[in-house]
Protein backbone atom coordinates (compact mmCIF):
# COMPACT_ATOMS: atom_id res chain seq x y z
CA MET A 1 -11.09 20.70 16.03
CA ALA A 2 -8.25 18.48 13.79
CA ASP A 3 -5.05 18.56 14.73
CA ALA A 4 -3.24 19.74 11.26
CA ARG A 5 0.67 19.29 12.46
CA GLU A 6 2.95 19.46 9.86
CA VAL A 7 5.34 17.07 11.70
CA MET A 8 4.22 13.92 13.09
CA ASN A 9 5.27 11.07 15.66
CA ILE A 10 4.80 7.56 14.80
CA ARG A 11 1.01 7.68 16.90
CA GLN A 12 -0.08 10.46 14.91
CA ALA A 13 0.96 9.28 11.40
CA SER A 14 0.13 5.72 12.09
CA GLN A 15 -3.81 7.57 12.69
CA TYR A 16 -3.45 9.78 9.66
CA LEU A 17 -2.47 6.91 7.31
CA GLY A 18 -5.16 4.33 8.63
CA ILE A 19 -2.45 2.02 9.76
CA SER A 20 -1.20 0.64 13.07
CA PRO A 21 2.04 1.86 14.58
CA ASP A 22 3.78 -1.58 14.34
CA ALA A 23 2.66 -1.67 10.16
CA LEU A 24 3.79 1.87 10.21
CA TYR A 25 7.55 1.08 12.09
CA LYS A 26 8.04 -1.90 9.40
CA TYR A 27 7.49 0.69 7.06
CA VAL A 28 10.20 2.95 8.04
CA SER A 29 12.38 0.08 8.63
CA GLU A 30 11.74 -1.01 5.03
CA GLU A 31 12.46 2.24 4.15
CA THR A 32 8.86 2.53 1.89
CA ILE A 33 7.62 5.30 3.55
CA PRO A 34 9.26 8.24 4.19
CA ALA A 35 10.53 9.82 7.51
CA PHE A 36 13.39 10.93 9.09
CA LYS A 37 14.97 10.73 13.06
CA LEU A 38 14.90 13.37 15.16
CA GLY A 39 17.22 12.69 18.04
CA ASN A 40 15.74 8.92 18.76
CA ARG A 41 12.46 9.14 17.28
CA TRP A 42 11.26 8.98 13.82
CA LYS A 43 9.53 11.52 12.29
CA PHE A 44 6.72 12.08 9.67
CA LYS A 45 6.19 15.31 7.30
CA LYS A 46 2.84 15.71 6.37
CA SER A 47 3.21 16.73 3.01
CA ILE A 48 5.55 14.78 2.21
CA LEU A 49 3.37 11.97 3.25
CA ASP A 50 0.96 13.50 1.39
CA SER A 51 3.14 13.53 -1.76
CA TRP A 52 4.03 9.89 -1.19
CA MET A 53 0.44 8.77 -0.99
CA GLU A 54 -0.25 10.72 -4.17
CA ASN A 55 2.39 8.81 -6.19
CA GLN A 56 1.10 5.85 -4.81
CA SER A 57 -2.46 6.04 -6.13
CA LEU A 58 -0.75 7.39 -9.07
CA SER A 59 1.51 4.22 -9.50
CA SER A 60 -1.33 1.73 -8.30
CA GLU A 61 -4.15 3.10 -11.28
CA SER A 62 -1.83 1.97 -14.00
CA PRO A 63 -3.52 -0.82 -15.94
CA ARG A 64 -2.23 -4.55 -14.47
CA PRO A 65 -2.68 -7.77 -16.29
CA ARG A 66 -6.15 -9.38 -14.80
CA LYS A 67 -5.40 -12.79 -12.59
CA LEU A 68 -7.01 -15.60 -15.20
CA GLY A 69 -8.71 -18.42 -13.13
CA LYS A 70 -7.90 -22.40 -14.47
CA PRO A 71 -9.16 -22.59 -18.21
CA PHE A 72 -11.81 -24.48 -18.87
CA ARG A 73 -11.25 -27.87 -19.89
CA THR A 74 -13.73 -30.08 -21.66
CA MET A 75 -14.06 -34.06 -20.55
CA ALA A 76 -11.90 -36.05 -22.98
CA GLY A 77 -13.90 -38.21 -25.28
CA ALA A 78 -17.17 -36.10 -25.13
CA ASP A 79 -16.69 -34.49 -28.54
CA SER A 80 -15.20 -37.66 -30.48
CA LYS A 81 -18.84 -39.38 -29.07
CA SER A 82 -21.32 -37.67 -31.82
CA VAL A 83 -18.98 -38.78 -34.57
């Protein structure tokens, strides 16, 4: 049966999010992801992570400008030879 704890440690939260513990520490230090300290250990509340992930997915669904490749260039003089 899956562990459905509301408060998770770094290892549990990293498994839940599908990232490495090192990446999670980085996101916590950058204040990118919601976390709190209990004593000297980082903790993550599942319901808050779920809300955070929902907000992240909604903001990433907004239309982004597409990155276009290099513009197509014709060879100089190729069109002028037909005159």
